[in-house]
Amino acid sequence: MPILDWLNKKEALTTADKTPYKVLVENKDLSVGDQTQGNMLIKGDNLEALKALLPYYKGRVKCIYIDPPYNTGSAFDHYDDNLEHSIWLSLIYPRLELLSRIVTQRWHYFCAN
């Protein structure tokens, strides 16, 4: 079976675990809508946000929709989508690792088979 390998892969494999937990703090001035619904808009680094959500949602989420950087080779005003592939893989891997921990085990079983 082919194995994906890249420069700094060992570090990327442990980044999710090394990322410290941070506490999510509600900003009442920016809150709108029905507070009992549990909806959140989190401003900050997505790796830190995923790690902060993990204690609350580990194994409880049925579906995740993300819009990751696709590394298209283009540069935009707000984002450079032209990273060297090993850098991109090292950035995306820990996020996918945390996302996989949040998704229910049923989903893992479905995707593995």
PDB file of N, CA and C in Angstrom:
ATOM      1  N   MET A   1       0.847  -1.181   0.000  1.00  0.00           N
ATOM      2  CA  MET A   1       0.000   0.000   0.000  1.00  0.00           C
ATOM      3  C   MET A   1       0.890   1.241   0.000  1.00  0.00           C
ATOM      4  N   PRO A   2       0.615   2.208  -0.867  1.00  0.00           N
ATOM      5  CA  PRO A   2       1.412   3.435  -0.910  1.00  0.00           C
ATOM      6  C   PRO A   2       1.278   4.239   0.387  1.00  0.00           C
ATOM      7  N   ILE A   3       2.358   4.855   0.782  1.00  0.00           N
ATOM      8  CA  ILE A   3       2.373   5.684   1.987  1.00  0.00           C
ATOM      9  C   ILE A   3       2.820   7.081   1.601  1.00  0.00           C
ATOM     10  N   LEU A   4       2.084   8.058   2.063  1.00  0.00           N
ATOM     11  CA  LEU A   4       2.419   9.451   1.804  1.00  0.00           C
ATOM     12  C   LEU A   4       3.495   9.891   2.785  1.00  0.00           C
ATOM     13  N   ASP A   5       4.558  10.434   2.261  1.00  0.00           N
ATOM     14  CA  ASP A   5       5.656  10.905   3.095  1.00  0.00           C
ATOM     15  C   ASP A   5       6.051  12.299   2.630  1.00  0.00           C
ATOM     16  N   TRP A   6       6.500  13.132   3.570  1.00  0.00           N
ATOM     17  CA  TRP A   6       6.922  14.479   3.225  1.00  0.00           C
ATOM     18  C   TRP A   6       7.905  14.990   4.262  1.00  0.00           C
ATOM     19  N   LEU A   7       8.593  16.049   3.922  1.00  0.00           N
ATOM     20  CA  LEU A   7       9.536  16.694   4.811  1.00  0.00           C
ATOM     21  C   LEU A   7       8.811  17.173   6.071  1.00  0.00           C
ATOM     22  N   ASN A   8       9.346  16.910   7.241  1.00  0.00           N
ATOM     23  CA  ASN A   8       8.769  17.293   8.541  1.00  0.00           C
ATOM     24  C   ASN A   8       7.494  16.530   8.891  1.00  0.00           C
ATOM     25  N   LYS A   9       7.282  15.369   8.302  1.00  0.00           N
ATOM     26  CA  LYS A   9       6.081  14.587   8.593  1.00  0.00           C
ATOM     27  C   LYS A   9       6.026  14.175  10.065  1.00  0.00           C
ATOM     28  N   LYS A  10       7.159  13.804  10.654  1.00  0.00           N
ATOM     29  CA  LYS A  10       7.166  13.380  12.059  1.00  0.00           C
ATOM     30  C   LYS A  10       6.618  14.470  12.969  1.00  0.00           C
ATOM     31  N   GLU A  11       7.002  15.702  12.721  1.00  0.00           N
ATOM     32  CA  GLU A  11       6.507  16.820  13.527  1.00  0.00           C
ATOM     33  C   GLU A  11       5.016  17.036  13.297  1.00  0.00           C
ATOM     34  N   ALA A  12       4.585  16.920  12.038  1.00  0.00           N
ATOM     35  CA  ALA A  12       3.169  17.127  11.708  1.00  0.00           C
ATOM     36  C   ALA A  12       2.279  16.088  12.397  1.00  0.00           C
ATOM     37  N   LEU A  13       2.790  14.862  12.539  1.00  0.00           N
ATOM     38  CA  LEU A  13       2.005  13.800  13.155  1.00  0.00           C
ATOM     39  C   LEU A  13       1.747  14.045  14.638  1.00  0.00           C
ATOM     40  N   THR A  14       2.569  14.866  15.281  1.00  0.00           N
ATOM     41  CA  THR A  14       2.401  15.119  16.713  1.00  0.00           C
ATOM     42  C   THR A  14       1.879  16.524  17.023  1.00  0.00           C
ATOM     43  N   THR A  15       1.685  17.346  16.008  1.00  0.00           N
ATOM     44  CA  THR A  15       1.257  18.728  16.226  1.00  0.00           C
ATOM     45  C   THR A  15      -0.089  18.812  16.920  1.00  0.00           C
ATOM     46  N   ALA A  16      -1.047  18.006  16.529  1.00  0.00           N
ATOM     47  CA  ALA A  16      -2.382  18.052  17.140  1.00  0.00           C
ATOM     48  C   ALA A  16      -2.300  17.784  18.640  1.00  0.00           C
ATOM     49  N   ASP A  17      -1.505  16.796  19.029  1.00  0.00           N
ATOM     50  CA  ASP A  17      -1.378  16.474  20.454  1.00  0.00           C
ATOM     51  C   ASP A  17      -0.610  17.554  21.212  1.00  0.00           C
ATOM     52  N   LYS A  18       0.336  18.192  20.562  1.00  0.00           N
ATOM     53  CA  LYS A  18       1.142  19.231  21.216  1.00  0.00           C
ATOM     54  C   LYS A  18       0.424  20.579  21.314  1.00  0.00           C
ATOM     55  N   THR A  19      -0.622  20.767  20.527  1.00  0.00           N
ATOM     56  CA  THR A  19      -1.367  22.020  20.572  1.00  0.00           C
ATOM     57  C   THR A  19      -2.063  22.138  21.920  1.00  0.00           C
ATOM     58  N   PRO A  20      -1.815  23.228  22.657  1.00  0.00           N
ATOM     59  CA  PRO A  20      -2.420  23.344  23.988  1.00  0.00           C
ATOM     60  C   PRO A  20      -3.916  23.622  23.906  1.00  0.00           C
ATOM     61  N   TYR A  21      -4.636  23.143  24.922  1.00  0.00           N
ATOM     62  CA  TYR A  21      -6.055  23.457  25.021  1.00  0.00           C
ATOM     63  C   TYR A  21      -6.213  24.909  25.443  1.00  0.00           C
ATOM     64  N   LYS A  22      -7.149  25.598  24.823  1.00  0.00           N
ATOM     65  CA  LYS A  22      -7.497  26.959  25.219  1.00  0.00           C
ATOM     66  C   LYS A  22      -8.988  26.977  25.511  1.00  0.00           C
ATOM     67  N   VAL A  23      -9.376  27.838  26.404  1.00  0.00           N
ATOM     68  CA  VAL A  23     -10.773  27.934  26.793  1.00  0.00           C
ATOM     69  C   VAL A  23     -11.484  28.914  25.868  1.00  0.00           C
ATOM     70  N   LEU A  24     -12.639  28.496  25.352  1.00  0.00           N
ATOM     71  CA  LEU A  24     -13.458  29.385  24.538  1.00  0.00           C
ATOM     72  C   LEU A  24     -14.181  30.358  25.463  1.00  0.00           C
ATOM     73  N   VAL A  25     -14.091  31.635  25.162  1.00  0.00           N
ATOM     74  CA  VAL A  25     -14.718  32.662  25.986  1.00  0.00           C
ATOM     75  C   VAL A  25     -15.771  33.380  25.146  1.00  0.00           C
ATOM     76  N   GLU A  26     -16.998  33.374  25.637  1.00  0.00           N
ATOM     77  CA  GLU A  26     -18.091  34.029  24.916  1.00  0.00           C
ATOM     78  C   GLU A  26     -17.945  35.547  25.006  1.00  0.00           C
ATOM     79  N   ASN A  27     -18.175  36.212  23.890  1.00  0.00           N
ATOM     80  CA  ASN A  27     -18.199  37.672  23.852  1.00  0.00           C
ATOM     81  C   ASN A  27     -19.661  38.085  23.725  1.00  0.00           C
ATOM     82  N   LYS A  28     -20.262  38.476  24.843  1.00  0.00           N
ATOM     83  CA  LYS A  28     -21.695  38.822  24.873  1.00  0.00           C
ATOM     84  C   LYS A  28     -22.024  39.972  23.916  1.00  0.00           C
ATOM     85  N   ASP A  29     -21.071  40.886  23.703  1.00  0.00           N
ATOM     86  CA  ASP A  29     -21.312  42.017  22.802  1.00  0.00           C
ATOM     87  C   ASP A  29     -21.501  41.576  21.356  1.00  0.00           C
ATOM     88  N   LEU A  30     -20.934  40.437  20.997  1.00  0.00           N
ATOM     89  CA  LEU A  30     -21.046  39.941  19.629  1.00  0.00           C
ATOM     90  C   LEU A  30     -22.083  38.833  19.478  1.00  0.00           C
ATOM     91  N   SER A  31     -22.690  38.409  20.573  1.00  0.00           N
ATOM     92  CA  SER A  31     -23.660  37.322  20.537  1.00  0.00           C
ATOM     93  C   SER A  31     -25.005  37.806  20.004  1.00  0.00           C
ATOM     94  N   VAL A  32     -25.603  36.992  19.147  1.00  0.00           N
ATOM     95  CA  VAL A  32     -26.924  37.286  18.598  1.00  0.00           C
ATOM     96  C   VAL A  32     -27.720  35.987  18.535  1.00  0.00           C
ATOM     97  N   GLY A  33     -29.006  36.109  18.380  1.00  0.00           N
ATOM     98  CA  GLY A  33     -29.847  34.935  18.203  1.00  0.00           C
ATOM     99  C   GLY A  33     -30.143  34.215  19.498  1.00  0.00           C
ATOM    100  N   ASP A  34     -30.720  33.040  19.360  1.00  0.00           N
ATOM    101  CA  ASP A  34     -31.138  32.214  20.480  1.00  0.00           C
ATOM    102  C   ASP A  34     -29.916  31.547  21.115  1.00  0.00           C
ATOM    103  N   GLN A  35     -29.574  31.955  22.315  1.00  0.00           N
ATOM    104  CA  GLN A  35     -28.387  31.452  22.999  1.00  0.00           C
ATOM    105  C   GLN A  35     -28.495  29.982  23.391  1.00  0.00           C
ATOM    106  N   THR A  36     -29.712  29.435  23.392  1.00  0.00           N
ATOM    107  CA  THR A  36     -29.888  28.042  23.808  1.00  0.00           C
ATOM    108  C   THR A  36     -29.604  27.051  22.677  1.00  0.00           C
ATOM    109  N   GLN A  37     -29.397  27.532  21.469  1.00  0.00           N
ATOM    110  CA  GLN A  37     -29.199  26.640  20.324  1.00  0.00           C
ATOM    111  C   GLN A  37     -27.782  26.076  20.222  1.00  0.00           C
ATOM    112  N   GLY A  38     -26.833  26.693  20.899  1.00  0.00           N
ATOM    113  CA  GLY A  38     -25.474  26.153  20.883  1.00  0.00           C
ATOM    114  C   GLY A  38     -24.664  26.494  19.648  1.00  0.00           C
ATOM    115  N   ASN A  39     -25.167  27.396  18.834  1.00  0.00           N
ATOM    116  CA  ASN A  39     -24.406  27.797  17.657  1.00  0.00           C
ATOM    117  C   ASN A  39     -23.246  28.689  18.069  1.00  0.00           C
ATOM    118  N   MET A  40     -22.119  28.553  17.354  1.00  0.00           N
ATOM    119  CA  MET A  40     -20.933  29.338  17.678  1.00  0.00           C
ATOM    120  C   MET A  40     -20.252  29.838  16.421  1.00  0.00           C
ATOM    121  N   LEU A  41     -19.695  31.002  16.529  1.00  0.00           N
ATOM    122  CA  LEU A  41     -18.794  31.535  15.516  1.00  0.00           C
ATOM    123  C   LEU A  41     -17.505  31.808  16.270  1.00  0.00           C
ATOM    124  N   ILE A  42     -16.452  31.109  15.912  1.00  0.00           N
ATOM    125  CA  ILE A  42     -15.192  31.214  16.636  1.00  0.00           C
ATOM    126  C   ILE A  42     -14.193  31.964  15.780  1.00  0.00           C
ATOM    127  N   LYS A  43     -13.647  33.025  16.359  1.00  0.00           N
ATOM    128  CA  LYS A  43     -12.627  33.806  15.670  1.00  0.00           C
ATOM    129  C   LYS A  43     -11.276  33.435  16.250  1.00  0.00           C
ATOM    130  N   GLY A  44     -10.378  32.991  15.411  1.00  0.00           N
ATOM    131  CA  GLY A  44      -9.051  32.620  15.885  1.00  0.00           C
ATOM    132  C   GLY A  44      -8.449  31.551  15.004  1.00  0.00           C
ATOM    133  N   ASP A  45      -7.321  31.051  15.421  1.00  0.00           N
ATOM    134  CA  ASP A  45      -6.634  29.996  14.682  1.00  0.00           C
ATOM    135  C   ASP A  45      -7.492  28.733  14.696  1.00  0.00           C
ATOM    136  N   ASN A  46      -7.705  28.135  13.534  1.00  0.00           N
ATOM    137  CA  ASN A  46      -8.604  26.981  13.470  1.00  0.00           C
ATOM    138  C   ASN A  46      -8.044  25.747  14.174  1.00  0.00           C
ATOM    139  N   LEU A  47      -6.730  25.620  14.255  1.00  0.00           N
ATOM    140  CA  LEU A  47      -6.145  24.495  14.986  1.00  0.00           C
ATOM    141  C   LEU A  47      -6.448  24.624  16.480  1.00  0.00           C
ATOM    142  N   GLU A  48      -6.282  25.820  17.011  1.00  0.00           N
ATOM    143  CA  GLU A  48      -6.589  26.059  18.422  1.00  0.00           C
ATOM    144  C   GLU A  48      -8.090  25.935  18.690  1.00  0.00           C
ATOM    145  N   ALA A  49      -8.913  26.381  17.758  1.00  0.00           N
ATOM    146  CA  ALA A  49     -10.363  26.282  17.922  1.00  0.00           C
ATOM    147  C   ALA A  49     -10.811  24.822  17.928  1.00  0.00           C
ATOM    148  N   LEU A  50     -10.277  24.017  17.033  1.00  0.00           N
ATOM    149  CA  LEU A  50     -10.626  22.594  17.004  1.00  0.00           C
ATOM    150  C   LEU A  50     -10.207  21.902  18.294  1.00  0.00           C
ATOM    151  N   LYS A  51      -9.042  22.246  18.801  1.00  0.00           N
ATOM    152  CA  LYS A  51      -8.572  21.641  20.050  1.00  0.00           C
ATOM    153  C   LYS A  51      -9.476  22.052  21.213  1.00  0.00           C
ATOM    154  N   ALA A  52      -9.950  23.307  21.200  1.00  0.00           N
ATOM    155  CA  ALA A  52     -10.847  23.782  22.258  1.00  0.00           C
ATOM    156  C   ALA A  52     -12.212  23.099  22.186  1.00  0.00           C
ATOM    157  N   LEU A  53     -12.657  22.728  21.006  1.00  0.00           N
ATOM    158  CA  LEU A  53     -13.953  22.064  20.833  1.00  0.00           C
ATOM    159  C   LEU A  53     -13.903  20.577  21.178  1.00  0.00           C
ATOM    160  N   LEU A  54     -12.734  19.996  21.131  1.00  0.00           N
ATOM    161  CA  LEU A  54     -12.587  18.553  21.320  1.00  0.00           C
ATOM    162  C   LEU A  54     -13.198  18.022  22.618  1.00  0.00           C
ATOM    163  N   PRO A  55     -12.995  18.658  23.779  1.00  0.00           N
ATOM    164  CA  PRO A  55     -13.602  18.103  25.006  1.00  0.00           C
ATOM    165  C   PRO A  55     -15.135  18.089  24.977  1.00  0.00           C
ATOM    166  N   TYR A  56     -15.734  18.979  24.219  1.00  0.00           N
ATOM    167  CA  TYR A  56     -17.193  19.082  24.172  1.00  0.00           C
ATOM    168  C   TYR A  56     -17.820  18.193  23.102  1.00  0.00           C
ATOM    169  N   TYR A  57     -17.115  17.986  21.994  1.00  0.00           N
ATOM    170  CA  TYR A  57     -17.735  17.328  20.849  1.00  0.00           C
ATOM    171  C   TYR A  57     -17.049  16.051  20.387  1.00  0.00           C
ATOM    172  N   LYS A  58     -16.055  15.556  21.121  1.00  0.00           N
ATOM    173  CA  LYS A  58     -15.331  14.357  20.691  1.00  0.00           C
ATOM    174  C   LYS A  58     -16.301  13.203  20.436  1.00  0.00           C
ATOM    175  N   GLY A  59     -16.298  12.706  19.209  1.00  0.00           N
ATOM    176  CA  GLY A  59     -17.136  11.579  18.836  1.00  0.00           C
ATOM    177  C   GLY A  59     -18.610  11.861  18.739  1.00  0.00           C
ATOM    178  N   ARG A  60     -19.015  13.132  18.729  1.00  0.00           N
ATOM    179  CA  ARG A  60     -20.435  13.472  18.745  1.00  0.00           C
ATOM    180  C   ARG A  60     -20.931  14.113  17.459  1.00  0.00           C
ATOM    181  N   VAL A  61     -20.050  14.445  16.540  1.00  0.00           N
ATOM    182  CA  VAL A  61     -20.426  15.171  15.332  1.00  0.00           C
ATOM    183  C   VAL A  61     -20.620  14.186  14.186  1.00  0.00           C
ATOM    184  N   LYS A  62     -21.736  14.324  13.478  1.00  0.00           N
ATOM    185  CA  LYS A  62     -22.042  13.410  12.382  1.00  0.00           C
ATOM    186  C   LYS A  62     -21.488  13.872  11.043  1.00  0.00           C
ATOM    187  N   CYS A  63     -21.356  15.176  10.873  1.00  0.00           N
ATOM    188  CA  CYS A  63     -20.918  15.687   9.582  1.00  0.00           C
ATOM    189  C   CYS A  63     -20.098  16.958   9.790  1.00  0.00           C
ATOM    190  N   ILE A  64     -19.004  17.045   9.070  1.00  0.00           N
ATOM    191  CA  ILE A  64     -18.173  18.247   9.105  1.00  0.00           C
ATOM    192  C   ILE A  64     -17.990  18.725   7.671  1.00  0.00           C
ATOM    193  N   TYR A  65     -18.256  20.001   7.472  1.00  0.00           N
ATOM    194  CA  TYR A  65     -18.033  20.613   6.170  1.00  0.00           C
ATOM    195  C   TYR A  65     -16.953  21.666   6.360  1.00  0.00           C
ATOM    196  N   ILE A  66     -15.842  21.501   5.684  1.00  0.00           N
ATOM    197  CA  ILE A  66     -14.772  22.474   5.808  1.00  0.00           C
ATOM    198  C   ILE A  66     -14.382  22.980   4.423  1.00  0.00           C
ATOM    199  N   ASP A  67     -13.773  24.127   4.407  1.00  0.00           N
ATOM    200  CA  ASP A  67     -13.250  24.710   3.179  1.00  0.00           C
ATOM    201  C   ASP A  67     -11.753  24.918   3.383  1.00  0.00           C
ATOM    202  N   PRO A  68     -10.985  23.836   3.257  1.00  0.00           N
ATOM    203  CA  PRO A  68      -9.553  23.946   3.544  1.00  0.00           C
ATOM    204  C   PRO A  68      -8.813  24.669   2.422  1.00  0.00           C
ATOM    205  N   PRO A  69      -7.616  25.117   2.705  1.00  0.00           N
ATOM    206  CA  PRO A  69      -6.799  25.649   1.618  1.00  0.00           C
ATOM    207  C   PRO A  69      -6.447  24.495   0.678  1.00  0.00           C
ATOM    208  N   TYR A  70      -6.605  24.704  -0.594  1.00  0.00           N
ATOM    209  CA  TYR A  70      -6.382  23.632  -1.559  1.00  0.00           C
ATOM    210  C   TYR A  70      -4.992  23.648  -2.167  1.00  0.00           C
ATOM    211  N   ASN A  71      -4.195  24.648  -1.819  1.00  0.00           N
ATOM    212  CA  ASN A  71      -2.832  24.785  -2.338  1.00  0.00           C
ATOM    213  C   ASN A  71      -2.847  24.797  -3.866  1.00  0.00           C
ATOM    214  N   THR A  72      -3.618  25.709  -4.399  1.00  0.00           N
ATOM    215  CA  THR A  72      -3.807  25.816  -5.843  1.00  0.00           C
ATOM    216  C   THR A  72      -2.637  26.457  -6.564  1.00  0.00           C
ATOM    217  N   GLY A  73      -1.753  27.091  -5.822  1.00  0.00           N
ATOM    218  CA  GLY A  73      -0.637  27.780  -6.450  1.00  0.00           C
ATOM    219  C   GLY A  73      -0.936  29.239  -6.727  1.00  0.00           C
ATOM    220  N   SER A  74      -2.096  29.718  -6.290  1.00  0.00           N
ATOM    221  CA  SER A  74      -2.500  31.106  -6.507  1.00  0.00           C
ATOM    222  C   SER A  74      -2.251  31.935  -5.259  1.00  0.00           C
ATOM    223  N   ALA A  75      -2.053  33.221  -5.455  1.00  0.00           N
ATOM    224  CA  ALA A  75      -1.926  34.151  -4.338  1.00  0.00           C
ATOM    225  C   ALA A  75      -3.130  35.083  -4.368  1.00  0.00           C
ATOM    226  N   PHE A  76      -3.803  35.224  -3.240  1.00  0.00           N
ATOM    227  CA  PHE A  76      -4.959  36.093  -3.115  1.00  0.00           C
ATOM    228  C   PHE A  76      -4.615  37.249  -2.188  1.00  0.00           C
ATOM    229  N   ASP A  77      -5.472  38.262  -2.141  1.00  0.00           N
ATOM    230  CA  ASP A  77      -5.215  39.410  -1.270  1.00  0.00           C
ATOM    231  C   ASP A  77      -5.137  39.021   0.200  1.00  0.00           C
ATOM    232  N   HIS A  78      -6.002  38.096   0.624  1.00  0.00           N
ATOM    233  CA  HIS A  78      -6.088  37.724   2.028  1.00  0.00           C
ATOM    234  C   HIS A  78      -5.424  36.391   2.362  1.00  0.00           C
ATOM    235  N   TYR A  79      -4.923  35.678   1.363  1.00  0.00           N
ATOM    236  CA  TYR A  79      -4.376  34.349   1.606  1.00  0.00           C
ATOM    237  C   TYR A  79      -3.454  33.939   0.469  1.00  0.00           C
ATOM    238  N   ASP A  80      -2.309  33.411   0.826  1.00  0.00           N
ATOM    239  CA  ASP A  80      -1.381  32.884  -0.173  1.00  0.00           C
ATOM    240  C   ASP A  80      -1.611  31.381  -0.281  1.00  0.00           C
ATOM    241  N   ASP A  81      -2.167  30.943  -1.387  1.00  0.00           N
ATOM    242  CA  ASP A  81      -2.467  29.531  -1.615  1.00  0.00           C
ATOM    243  C   ASP A  81      -1.390  28.910  -2.499  1.00  0.00           C
ATOM    244  N   ASN A  82      -0.160  29.285  -2.217  1.00  0.00           N
ATOM    245  CA  ASN A  82       0.957  28.820  -3.029  1.00  0.00           C
ATOM    246  C   ASN A  82       2.082  28.352  -2.113  1.00  0.00           C
ATOM    247  N   LEU A  83       1.789  27.356  -1.286  1.00  0.00           N
ATOM    248  CA  LEU A  83       2.788  26.827  -0.364  1.00  0.00           C
ATOM    249  C   LEU A  83       3.513  25.642  -0.983  1.00  0.00           C
ATOM    250  N   GLU A  84       4.727  25.422  -0.531  1.00  0.00           N
ATOM    251  CA  GLU A  84       5.442  24.220  -0.919  1.00  0.00           C
ATOM    252  C   GLU A  84       4.641  23.049  -0.347  1.00  0.00           C
ATOM    253  N   HIS A  85       4.521  21.960  -1.084  1.00  0.00           N
ATOM    254  CA  HIS A  85       3.598  20.881  -0.712  1.00  0.00           C
ATOM    255  C   HIS A  85       3.868  20.297   0.667  1.00  0.00           C
ATOM    256  N   SER A  86       5.120  20.146   1.066  1.00  0.00           N
ATOM    257  CA  SER A  86       5.392  19.573   2.384  1.00  0.00           C
ATOM    258  C   SER A  86       4.938  20.523   3.491  1.00  0.00           C
ATOM    259  N   ILE A  87       5.030  21.823   3.261  1.00  0.00           N
ATOM    260  CA  ILE A  87       4.539  22.800   4.246  1.00  0.00           C
ATOM    261  C   ILE A  87       3.020  22.704   4.336  1.00  0.00           C
ATOM    262  N   TRP A  88       2.355  22.614   3.181  1.00  0.00           N
ATOM    263  CA  TRP A  88       0.898  22.499   3.164  1.00  0.00           C
ATOM    264  C   TRP A  88       0.443  21.228   3.882  1.00  0.00           C
ATOM    265  N   LEU A  89       1.102  20.108   3.611  1.00  0.00           N
ATOM    266  CA  LEU A  89       0.739  18.852   4.268  1.00  0.00           C
ATOM    267  C   LEU A  89       0.936  18.950   5.780  1.00  0.00           C
ATOM    268  N   SER A  90       2.005  19.615   6.208  1.00  0.00           N
ATOM    269  CA  SER A  90       2.252  19.776   7.639  1.00  0.00           C
ATOM    270  C   SER A  90       1.229  20.694   8.296  1.00  0.00           C
ATOM    271  N   LEU A  91       0.642  21.596   7.539  1.00  0.00           N
ATOM    272  CA  LEU A  91      -0.405  22.470   8.074  1.00  0.00           C
ATOM    273  C   LEU A  91      -1.760  21.765   8.124  1.00  0.00           C
ATOM    274  N   ILE A  92      -2.086  21.016   7.101  1.00  0.00           N
ATOM    275  CA  ILE A  92      -3.419  20.431   6.997  1.00  0.00           C
ATOM    276  C   ILE A  92      -3.562  19.152   7.842  1.00  0.00           C
ATOM    277  N   TYR A  93      -2.505  18.380   7.987  1.00  0.00           N
ATOM    278  CA  TYR A  93      -2.597  17.098   8.690  1.00  0.00           C
ATOM    279  C   TYR A  93      -3.115  17.226  10.124  1.00  0.00           C
ATOM    280  N   PRO A  94      -2.558  18.113  10.968  1.00  0.00           N
ATOM    281  CA  PRO A  94      -3.063  18.193  12.347  1.00  0.00           C
ATOM    282  C   PRO A  94      -4.531  18.605  12.425  1.00  0.00           C
ATOM    283  N   ARG A  95      -4.979  19.422  11.511  1.00  0.00           N
ATOM    284  CA  ARG A  95      -6.380  19.835  11.501  1.00  0.00           C
ATOM    285  C   ARG A  95      -7.286  18.657  11.155  1.00  0.00           C
ATOM    286  N   LEU A  96      -6.869  17.871  10.177  1.00  0.00           N
ATOM    287  CA  LEU A  96      -7.639  16.680   9.814  1.00  0.00           C
ATOM    288  C   LEU A  96      -7.639  15.665  10.963  1.00  0.00           C
ATOM    289  N   GLU A  97      -6.539  15.571  11.670  1.00  0.00           N
ATOM    290  CA  GLU A  97      -6.454  14.677  12.824  1.00  0.00           C
ATOM    291  C   GLU A  97      -7.480  15.075  13.886  1.00  0.00           C
ATOM    292  N   LEU A  98      -7.545  16.360  14.220  1.00  0.00           N
ATOM    293  CA  LEU A  98      -8.510  16.824  15.223  1.00  0.00           C
ATOM    294  C   LEU A  98      -9.940  16.663  14.723  1.00  0.00           C
ATOM    295  N   LEU A  99     -10.180  16.947  13.450  1.00  0.00           N
ATOM    296  CA  LEU A  99     -11.518  16.754  12.888  1.00  0.00           C
ATOM    297  C   LEU A  99     -11.939  15.289  12.990  1.00  0.00           C
ATOM    298  N   SER A 100     -11.006  14.386  12.737  1.00  0.00           N
ATOM    299  CA  SER A 100     -11.353  12.962  12.804  1.00  0.00           C
ATOM    300  C   SER A 100     -11.711  12.540  14.219  1.00  0.00           C
ATOM    301  N   ARG A 101     -11.161  13.211  15.232  1.00  0.00           N
ATOM    302  CA  ARG A 101     -11.493  12.888  16.619  1.00  0.00           C
ATOM    303  C   ARG A 101     -12.876  13.407  17.006  1.00  0.00           C
ATOM    304  N   ILE A 102     -13.319  14.440  16.339  1.00  0.00           N
ATOM    305  CA  ILE A 102     -14.620  15.037  16.645  1.00  0.00           C
ATOM    306  C   ILE A 102     -15.759  14.245  16.011  1.00  0.00           C
ATOM    307  N   VAL A 103     -15.495  13.624  14.887  1.00  0.00           N
ATOM    308  CA  VAL A 103     -16.528  12.893  14.150  1.00  0.00           C
ATOM    309  C   VAL A 103     -16.842  11.570  14.850  1.00  0.00           C
ATOM    310  N   THR A 104     -18.108  11.148  14.779  1.00  0.00           N
ATOM    311  CA  THR A 104     -18.542   9.907  15.426  1.00  0.00           C
ATOM    312  C   THR A 104     -17.801   8.695  14.873  1.00  0.00           C
ATOM    313  N   GLN A 105     -17.699   7.665  15.689  1.00  0.00           N
ATOM    314  CA  GLN A 105     -17.023   6.436  15.273  1.00  0.00           C
ATOM    315  C   GLN A 105     -17.755   5.754  14.117  1.00  0.00           C
ATOM    316  N   ARG A 106     -19.060   5.933  14.032  1.00  0.00           N
ATOM    317  CA  ARG A 106     -19.830   5.353  12.933  1.00  0.00           C
ATOM    318  C   ARG A 106     -19.294   5.866  11.604  1.00  0.00           C
ATOM    319  N   TRP A 107     -18.965   7.159  11.547  1.00  0.00           N
ATOM    320  CA  TRP A 107     -18.412   7.746  10.331  1.00  0.00           C
ATOM    321  C   TRP A 107     -17.060   7.129  10.014  1.00  0.00           C
ATOM    322  N   HIS A 108     -16.225   6.934  11.038  1.00  0.00           N
ATOM    323  CA  HIS A 108     -14.917   6.315  10.824  1.00  0.00           C
ATOM    324  C   HIS A 108     -15.086   4.920  10.229  1.00  0.00           C
ATOM    325  N   TYR A 109     -16.037   4.182  10.758  1.00  0.00           N
ATOM    326  CA  TYR A 109     -16.271   2.828  10.274  1.00  0.00           C
ATOM    327  C   TYR A 109     -16.724   2.864   8.811  1.00  0.00           C
ATOM    328  N   PHE A 110     -17.615   3.785   8.498  1.00  0.00           N
ATOM    329  CA  PHE A 110     -18.130   3.898   7.134  1.00  0.00           C
ATOM    330  C   PHE A 110     -17.009   4.232   6.160  1.00  0.00           C
ATOM    331  N   CYS A 111     -16.152   5.145   6.509  1.00  0.00           N
ATOM    332  CA  CYS A 111     -15.087   5.574   5.606  1.00  0.00           C
ATOM    333  C   CYS A 111     -13.976   4.529   5.484  1.00  0.00           C
ATOM    334  N   ALA A 112     -13.790   3.742   6.522  1.00  0.00           N
ATOM    335  CA  ALA A 112     -12.708   2.751   6.499  1.00  0.00           C
ATOM    336  C   ALA A 112     -13.085   1.527   5.675  1.00  0.00           C
ATOM    337  N   ASN A 113     -14.369   1.294   5.470  1.00  0.00           N
ATOM    338  CA  ASN A 113     -14.797   0.086   4.748  1.00  0.00           C
ATOM    339  C   ASN A 113     -15.210   0.368   3.344  1.00  0.00           C
TER     340      ASN A 113
END
